[in-house]
Protein backbone atom coordinates (compact mmCIF):
# COMPACT_ATOMS: atom_id res chain seq x y z
CA MET A 1 8.54 -5.55 -3.06
CA VAL A 2 8.19 -8.98 -1.50
CA GLU A 3 8.46 -10.54 -4.96
CA ASP A 4 11.68 -8.61 -5.55
CA ILE A 5 13.11 -10.08 -2.34
CA VAL A 6 11.93 -13.70 -2.49
CA GLY A 7 11.56 -14.11 -6.25
CA LYS A 8 8.59 -14.73 -8.49
CA GLU A 9 8.73 -18.54 -8.27
CA VAL A 10 8.74 -18.55 -4.45
CA LEU A 11 5.91 -16.03 -4.25
CA GLN A 12 3.79 -17.97 -6.78
CA GLU A 13 4.26 -21.21 -4.84
CA PHE A 14 3.45 -19.40 -1.60
CA GLU A 15 0.27 -17.91 -3.09
CA ALA A 16 -0.82 -21.23 -4.62
CA ASN A 17 -0.22 -23.37 -1.52
CA HIS A 18 -0.80 -20.94 1.36
CA MET A 19 -3.54 -18.56 0.19
CA GLY A 20 -4.60 -17.64 3.75
CA ASP A 21 -1.06 -16.64 4.69
CA TYR A 22 -0.64 -14.81 1.37
CA LEU A 23 -3.82 -12.76 1.90
CA GLY A 24 -2.83 -12.04 5.50
CA MET A 25 0.57 -10.74 4.40
CA ALA A 26 -1.02 -8.64 1.64
CA HIS A 27 -3.42 -7.20 4.21
CA HIS A 28 -0.52 -6.30 6.53
CA PHE A 29 1.25 -4.52 3.67
CA GLU A 30 -1.86 -2.61 2.55
CA ALA A 31 -2.67 -1.61 6.12
CA GLY A 32 0.91 -0.45 6.52
CA LYS A 33 0.70 1.70 3.39
CA ARG A 34 -2.51 3.26 4.65
CA ARG A 35 -1.33 4.02 8.13
CA CYS A 36 2.35 4.46 7.56
CA ASP A 37 4.25 7.38 8.86
CA ILE A 38 7.40 8.46 7.12
CA LEU A 39 9.47 6.16 9.32
CA ARG A 40 8.57 2.61 8.24
CA ILE A 41 6.11 -0.08 7.27
CA VAL A 42 6.24 -3.35 9.17
CA VAL A 43 4.94 -6.48 7.42
CA LYS A 44 4.57 -9.87 9.11
CA ILE A 45 6.25 -12.55 6.99
CA PRO A 46 4.49 -15.91 7.43
CA VAL A 47 6.58 -18.90 8.44
CA SER A 48 5.28 -20.74 5.36
CA LEU A 49 6.85 -18.13 3.06
CA ASN A 50 10.19 -18.39 4.83
CA ASP A 51 10.01 -22.20 4.62
CA ILE A 52 9.46 -22.10 0.85
CA PHE A 53 12.29 -19.56 0.49
CA GLU A 54 14.67 -21.73 2.52
CA GLU A 55 13.74 -24.80 0.46
CA LYS A 56 14.55 -22.97 -2.79
CA HIS A 57 17.72 -21.30 -1.43
CA ARG A 58 19.48 -24.25 0.23
CA GLY A 59 18.58 -23.41 3.81
CA THR A 60 19.14 -19.66 3.64
CA SER A 61 16.38 -17.75 5.46
CA ILE A 62 14.87 -14.51 4.19
CA ARG A 63 16.51 -12.70 7.10
CA LYS A 64 19.99 -14.05 6.26
CA TYR A 65 19.46 -13.25 2.56
CA LEU A 66 18.53 -9.65 3.40
CA ASP A 67 21.55 -9.28 5.70
CA GLU A 68 23.88 -10.53 2.96
CA THR A 69 22.40 -8.60 0.02
CA PRO A 70 23.91 -5.10 -0.31
CA LYS A 71 20.98 -3.54 -2.19
CA TYR A 72 18.70 -4.14 0.83
CA LYS A 73 21.21 -3.15 3.53
CA GLU A 74 19.82 0.35 4.22
CA LEU A 75 16.29 -0.18 2.92
CA VAL A 76 14.96 -3.34 4.57
CA THR A 77 15.61 -5.13 7.83
CA MET A 78 14.06 -8.20 9.35
CA ALA A 79 13.60 -9.03 13.01
CA ALA A 80 11.90 -12.30 13.97
CA ASP A 81 9.01 -12.56 11.49
CA LYS A 82 8.71 -8.82 10.81
CA LEU A 83 9.96 -7.22 7.60
CA LYS A 84 10.69 -3.55 8.25
CA LEU A 85 10.78 -1.24 5.27
CA GLY A 86 12.86 1.88 5.90
CA PRO A 87 11.80 5.49 5.23
CA GLN A 88 13.34 5.84 1.76
CA LEU A 89 11.71 2.66 0.52
CA VAL A 90 8.35 3.47 2.14
CA LYS A 91 8.23 6.86 0.47
CA LEU A 92 9.15 5.32 -2.91
CA LEU A 93 6.55 2.54 -2.63
CA VAL A 94 3.81 4.92 -1.56
CA GLU A 95 4.60 7.33 -4.38
CA ILE A 96 4.49 4.47 -6.90
CA ALA A 97 1.19 3.24 -5.47
CA PHE A 98 -0.40 6.67 -5.63
CA ASN A 99 1.01 7.95 -8.93
CA ASP A 100 -1.94 6.55 -10.91
CA THR A 101 -4.41 8.37 -8.67
CA ILE A 102 -2.50 11.61 -8.94
CA ASP A 103 -2.15 11.26 -12.72
CA ASP A 104 -5.91 10.65 -13.01
CA LEU A 105 -6.65 13.73 -10.91
CA LYS A 106 -4.26 15.85 -12.98
CA SER A 107 -6.03 14.69 -16.11
CA LEU A 108 -9.46 15.44 -14.63
CA PHE A 109 -8.45 18.93 -13.53
CA GLN A 110 -7.47 19.69 -17.14
CA LYS A 111 -11.11 19.28 -18.21
CA THR A 112 -13.07 22.50 -18.60
CA GLU A 113 -16.05 21.19 -16.62
CA ILE A 114 -14.08 20.70 -13.40
CA LYS A 115 -10.94 22.79 -13.71
CA ASP A 116 -12.41 25.28 -11.20
CA VAL A 117 -13.04 22.65 -8.50
CA SER A 118 -11.19 23.89 -5.46
CA THR A 119 -11.59 20.95 -3.05
CA ILE A 120 -10.43 17.34 -3.05
CA LEU A 121 -12.27 15.01 -0.66
CA MET A 122 -10.16 11.97 0.16
CA VAL A 123 -12.12 8.87 1.18
CA GLY A 124 -11.37 5.16 1.45
CA GLY A 125 -8.59 3.31 3.22
CA PHE A 126 -5.67 5.07 1.58
CA ALA A 127 -7.03 8.45 2.67
CA GLU A 128 -5.57 7.57 6.08
CA SER A 129 -2.05 7.75 4.68
CA ALA A 130 -0.19 10.82 5.89
CA LEU A 131 2.18 10.37 2.95
CA LEU A 132 -0.68 10.46 0.43
CA LEU A 133 -2.09 13.57 2.06
CA GLU A 134 1.33 15.24 1.93
CA LEU A 135 1.75 14.23 -1.72
CA MET A 136 -1.72 15.54 -2.66
CA LYS A 137 -0.97 18.89 -1.05
CA GLN A 138 2.36 19.12 -2.87
CA VAL A 139 0.94 18.21 -6.27
CA PHE A 140 -2.25 20.30 -5.90
CA PRO A 141 -1.20 23.32 -3.81
CA ASP A 142 -4.14 25.37 -5.12
CA LYS A 143 -6.70 22.78 -3.90
CA HIS A 144 -8.15 22.39 -0.43
CA VAL A 145 -7.67 18.73 0.58
CA ILE A 146 -10.17 17.31 3.09
CA VAL A 147 -9.93 13.97 4.89
CA PRO A 148 -13.00 13.15 7.02
CA LYS A 149 -12.81 11.18 10.25
CA CYS A 150 -12.89 7.45 9.43
CA PRO A 151 -12.41 7.96 5.68
CA GLU A 152 -12.67 4.22 5.01
CA MET A 153 -16.22 4.25 6.38
CA VAL A 154 -17.37 7.03 4.03
CA VAL A 155 -17.29 4.57 1.12
CA LEU A 156 -19.37 2.08 3.12
CA TYR A 157 -21.89 4.75 4.14
CA GLY A 158 -22.22 5.83 0.52
CA ALA A 159 -22.81 2.25 -0.60
CA VAL A 160 -25.52 1.77 2.05
CA ILE A 161 -27.25 5.02 1.07
CA LEU A 162 -27.02 4.03 -2.59
CA GLY A 163 -28.51 0.61 -1.76
CA TYR A 164 -31.53 2.22 -0.14
CA ASP A 165 -32.22 4.55 -3.08
CA LYS A 166 -34.73 2.63 -5.16
CA PHE A 167 -34.31 5.02 -8.08
CA VAL A 168 -30.61 4.39 -8.61
CA PHE A 169 -30.92 0.86 -10.03
CA ARG A 170 -33.85 0.24 -12.34
């Protein structure tokens, strides 16, 4: 999404010259996808990205560009250094991000060995997404979907347990 707004060249320069800012922005976006409600995702846009954008676009800021570009009018707004993705765009982005997971699950449930599995246990960071949970329930209405408390920690706990099992790695 950010690449669509600022352009590939600007984003590549930003990533190459400001890796810390790039990773921070990516983290904000991923955290937003995980914890988003249906209303919006807010992503902090680093000053360094805006500076590169302005340099390539003759002094036009990302905010001004968004205000003047009709295709973003209803979908994206920017206040100070915060990029706010509206509900329609959030839902679209989340669905795109999770389609591969859903397609993989659909494929797995076609297999004879597991077609009778009645429960899906969601773990990891994206399990916190209310939109993903809603999507899973819509796509698999015959399955019981469970999200444990602190689903991102379940993966860590599993890794620690696996690390202590001397028979797993030989």
